[in-house]
Amino acid sequence: MSHKYSVGQLVHAAGTHFADRTSGIYEVIRLMPESNGEFSYRIKNIARGTERAAGESQIRPARAEHGMHPQPRTADSF
């Protein structure tokens, strides 16, 4: 089994999964190891720049009509 999402992919995170209730479009910035049978990801909110960890069950692919594209990654942006 492997990760469903890849680095650079845009995903939607529903706020109901997070304590601060922040939902929105996030960019996958890091693949994290499997824990308790679920893969995890480090994701970054593309509007606010905040980062968080999320399990695969907490995110879904962002729809193309959002018109959002991640900024190109550079070595100093990691």
N, C-alpha and C. Protein backbone atom coordinates (compact mmCIF):
# COMPACT_ATOMS: atom_id res chain seq x y z
N MET A 1 0.84 -1.18 0.00
CA MET A 1 0.00 0.00 0.00
C MET A 1 0.89 1.24 0.00
N SER A 2 0.43 2.30 -0.66
CA SER A 2 1.21 3.53 -0.72
C SER A 2 0.31 4.74 -0.47
N HIS A 3 0.93 5.90 -0.36
CA HIS A 3 0.19 7.13 -0.13
C HIS A 3 -0.76 7.41 -1.30
N LYS A 4 -1.91 7.93 -1.01
CA LYS A 4 -2.92 8.27 -2.01
C LYS A 4 -2.60 9.61 -2.68
N TYR A 5 -1.98 10.52 -1.93
CA TYR A 5 -1.68 11.85 -2.43
C TYR A 5 -0.17 12.02 -2.56
N SER A 6 0.25 12.98 -3.39
CA SER A 6 1.68 13.20 -3.61
C SER A 6 2.05 14.63 -3.22
N VAL A 7 3.34 14.85 -3.02
CA VAL A 7 3.84 16.18 -2.67
C VAL A 7 3.50 17.14 -3.81
N GLY A 8 2.98 18.30 -3.44
CA GLY A 8 2.58 19.32 -4.42
C GLY A 8 1.12 19.25 -4.79
N GLN A 9 0.44 18.16 -4.46
CA GLN A 9 -0.97 18.01 -4.79
C GLN A 9 -1.83 18.87 -3.88
N LEU A 10 -2.89 19.45 -4.43
CA LEU A 10 -3.82 20.25 -3.63
C LEU A 10 -4.93 19.35 -3.10
N VAL A 11 -5.23 19.53 -1.83
CA VAL A 11 -6.28 18.75 -1.18
C VAL A 11 -7.19 19.69 -0.40
N HIS A 12 -8.38 19.22 -0.10
CA HIS A 12 -9.31 19.96 0.73
C HIS A 12 -9.35 19.29 2.09
N ALA A 13 -9.27 20.07 3.14
CA ALA A 13 -9.37 19.57 4.50
C ALA A 13 -10.61 20.19 5.13
N ALA A 14 -11.50 19.34 5.62
CA ALA A 14 -12.71 19.83 6.27
C ALA A 14 -12.38 20.25 7.70
N GLY A 15 -12.85 21.40 8.10
CA GLY A 15 -12.56 21.94 9.42
C GLY A 15 -13.06 21.10 10.57
N THR A 16 -14.03 20.24 10.33
CA THR A 16 -14.57 19.41 11.41
C THR A 16 -13.54 18.43 11.97
N HIS A 17 -12.47 18.20 11.23
CA HIS A 17 -11.44 17.27 11.68
C HIS A 17 -10.39 17.93 12.57
N PHE A 18 -10.38 19.24 12.65
CA PHE A 18 -9.33 19.96 13.36
C PHE A 18 -9.89 20.79 14.50
N ALA A 19 -9.13 20.91 15.57
CA ALA A 19 -9.58 21.62 16.77
C ALA A 19 -9.94 23.08 16.48
N ASP A 20 -9.19 23.72 15.59
CA ASP A 20 -9.47 25.14 15.31
C ASP A 20 -10.52 25.32 14.21
N ARG A 21 -11.07 24.22 13.73
CA ARG A 21 -12.15 24.22 12.73
C ARG A 21 -11.75 24.90 11.42
N THR A 22 -10.46 24.95 11.11
CA THR A 22 -9.98 25.57 9.88
C THR A 22 -10.12 24.61 8.71
N SER A 23 -10.91 24.99 7.74
CA SER A 23 -11.03 24.19 6.53
C SER A 23 -10.47 24.99 5.37
N GLY A 24 -10.28 24.34 4.25
CA GLY A 24 -9.79 25.04 3.08
C GLY A 24 -8.93 24.16 2.20
N ILE A 25 -8.26 24.83 1.28
CA ILE A 25 -7.40 24.15 0.33
C ILE A 25 -5.97 24.17 0.86
N TYR A 26 -5.36 23.01 0.85
CA TYR A 26 -4.00 22.83 1.35
C TYR A 26 -3.14 22.17 0.28
N GLU A 27 -1.84 22.41 0.36
CA GLU A 27 -0.88 21.73 -0.49
C GLU A 27 -0.18 20.67 0.34
N VAL A 28 -0.06 19.47 -0.22
CA VAL A 28 0.71 18.42 0.45
C VAL A 28 2.18 18.80 0.35
N ILE A 29 2.85 18.95 1.50
CA ILE A 29 4.26 19.34 1.47
C ILE A 29 5.20 18.23 1.92
N ARG A 30 4.64 17.19 2.57
CA ARG A 30 5.49 16.08 3.01
C ARG A 30 4.64 14.83 3.21
N LEU A 31 5.15 13.69 2.78
CA LEU A 31 4.52 12.41 3.06
C LEU A 31 5.08 11.91 4.38
N MET A 32 4.19 11.47 5.26
CA MET A 32 4.61 11.00 6.57
C MET A 32 4.33 9.50 6.67
N PRO A 33 4.98 8.83 7.60
CA PRO A 33 4.81 7.39 7.72
C PRO A 33 3.39 6.97 8.12
N GLU A 34 3.11 5.72 7.89
CA GLU A 34 1.85 5.13 8.30
C GLU A 34 1.80 5.03 9.82
N SER A 35 0.64 5.33 10.38
CA SER A 35 0.45 5.22 11.82
C SER A 35 -0.96 4.68 12.06
N ASN A 36 -1.06 3.63 12.83
CA ASN A 36 -2.36 3.01 13.12
C ASN A 36 -3.12 2.64 11.84
N GLY A 37 -2.37 2.18 10.83
CA GLY A 37 -2.99 1.73 9.59
C GLY A 37 -3.40 2.82 8.62
N GLU A 38 -2.98 4.05 8.87
CA GLU A 38 -3.35 5.16 8.00
C GLU A 38 -2.11 6.00 7.68
N PHE A 39 -1.96 6.38 6.41
CA PHE A 39 -0.88 7.27 6.02
C PHE A 39 -1.22 8.69 6.44
N SER A 40 -0.19 9.47 6.74
CA SER A 40 -0.36 10.86 7.15
C SER A 40 0.41 11.77 6.21
N TYR A 41 0.07 13.04 6.29
CA TYR A 41 0.66 14.06 5.42
C TYR A 41 0.91 15.33 6.22
N ARG A 42 1.89 16.10 5.80
CA ARG A 42 2.08 17.46 6.30
C ARG A 42 1.47 18.32 5.21
N ILE A 43 0.52 19.16 5.58
CA ILE A 43 -0.17 19.99 4.59
C ILE A 43 -0.06 21.46 4.98
N LYS A 44 -0.10 22.33 3.97
CA LYS A 44 0.05 23.77 4.20
C LYS A 44 -1.12 24.49 3.55
N ASN A 45 -1.81 25.31 4.33
CA ASN A 45 -2.94 26.08 3.82
C ASN A 45 -2.41 27.10 2.80
N ILE A 46 -2.97 27.07 1.60
CA ILE A 46 -2.41 27.94 0.55
C ILE A 46 -2.81 29.40 0.72
N ALA A 47 -3.85 29.68 1.50
CA ALA A 47 -4.26 31.08 1.73
C ALA A 47 -3.53 31.70 2.91
N ARG A 48 -3.37 30.93 3.99
CA ARG A 48 -2.80 31.48 5.23
C ARG A 48 -1.36 31.03 5.49
N GLY A 49 -0.93 29.98 4.85
CA GLY A 49 0.43 29.50 5.06
C GLY A 49 0.61 28.64 6.30
N THR A 50 -0.48 28.37 7.03
CA THR A 50 -0.37 27.54 8.22
C THR A 50 -0.19 26.08 7.82
N GLU A 51 0.56 25.36 8.64
CA GLU A 51 0.81 23.94 8.37
C GLU A 51 0.19 23.09 9.46
N ARG A 52 -0.13 21.85 9.11
CA ARG A 52 -0.66 20.89 10.06
C ARG A 52 -0.43 19.49 9.52
N ALA A 53 -0.56 18.53 10.40
CA ALA A 53 -0.51 17.13 10.00
C ALA A 53 -1.96 16.66 9.81
N ALA A 54 -2.18 15.78 8.85
CA ALA A 54 -3.51 15.25 8.60
C ALA A 54 -3.43 13.81 8.14
N GLY A 55 -4.35 13.02 8.61
CA GLY A 55 -4.45 11.64 8.14
C GLY A 55 -5.15 11.60 6.80
N GLU A 56 -4.93 10.51 6.09
CA GLU A 56 -5.52 10.37 4.76
C GLU A 56 -7.05 10.48 4.79
N SER A 57 -7.66 10.04 5.88
CA SER A 57 -9.12 10.10 5.99
C SER A 57 -9.64 11.51 6.25
N GLN A 58 -8.75 12.45 6.57
CA GLN A 58 -9.16 13.82 6.88
C GLN A 58 -9.08 14.75 5.69
N ILE A 59 -8.57 14.28 4.57
CA ILE A 59 -8.41 15.13 3.39
C ILE A 59 -9.00 14.43 2.17
N ARG A 60 -9.28 15.23 1.15
CA ARG A 60 -9.74 14.69 -0.13
C ARG A 60 -9.17 15.57 -1.24
N PRO A 61 -9.14 15.06 -2.48
CA PRO A 61 -8.58 15.88 -3.56
C PRO A 61 -9.34 17.19 -3.72
N ALA A 62 -8.62 18.27 -3.99
CA ALA A 62 -9.27 19.55 -4.27
C ALA A 62 -9.82 19.48 -5.68
N ARG A 63 -10.99 20.04 -5.87
CA ARG A 63 -11.61 20.02 -7.19
C ARG A 63 -10.92 21.03 -8.10
N ALA A 64 -10.84 20.71 -9.37
CA ALA A 64 -10.15 21.54 -10.35
C ALA A 64 -10.76 22.93 -10.47
N GLU A 65 -12.07 23.06 -10.22
CA GLU A 65 -12.70 24.37 -10.40
C GLU A 65 -12.30 25.40 -9.35
N HIS A 66 -11.55 24.98 -8.32
CA HIS A 66 -11.07 25.97 -7.35
C HIS A 66 -10.12 26.96 -8.02
N GLY A 67 -9.51 26.55 -9.13
CA GLY A 67 -8.60 27.43 -9.85
C GLY A 67 -7.34 27.76 -9.08
N MET A 68 -7.01 26.98 -8.09
CA MET A 68 -5.84 27.23 -7.27
C MET A 68 -4.69 26.37 -7.75
N HIS A 69 -3.53 26.95 -7.83
CA HIS A 69 -2.33 26.22 -8.20
C HIS A 69 -1.24 26.55 -7.20
N PRO A 70 -0.51 25.56 -6.73
CA PRO A 70 0.56 25.85 -5.77
C PRO A 70 1.68 26.63 -6.42
N GLN A 71 2.36 27.42 -5.62
CA GLN A 71 3.53 28.13 -6.09
C GLN A 71 4.66 27.13 -6.33
N PRO A 72 5.50 27.36 -7.32
CA PRO A 72 6.62 26.44 -7.54
C PRO A 72 7.50 26.35 -6.30
N ARG A 73 7.94 25.16 -5.97
CA ARG A 73 8.78 24.94 -4.79
C ARG A 73 10.24 25.24 -5.14
N THR A 74 10.89 25.94 -4.23
CA THR A 74 12.32 26.20 -4.39
C THR A 74 13.04 25.59 -3.20
N ALA A 75 14.34 25.41 -3.32
CA ALA A 75 15.12 24.78 -2.25
C ALA A 75 14.98 25.52 -0.93
N ASP A 76 14.85 26.85 -0.95
CA ASP A 76 14.77 27.60 0.29
C ASP A 76 13.36 27.68 0.86
N SER A 77 12.36 27.06 0.18
CA SER A 77 11.01 27.11 0.70
C SER A 77 10.64 25.90 1.53
N PHE A 78 11.59 25.01 1.78
CA PHE A 78 11.32 23.81 2.57
C PHE A 78 11.53 24.06 4.03
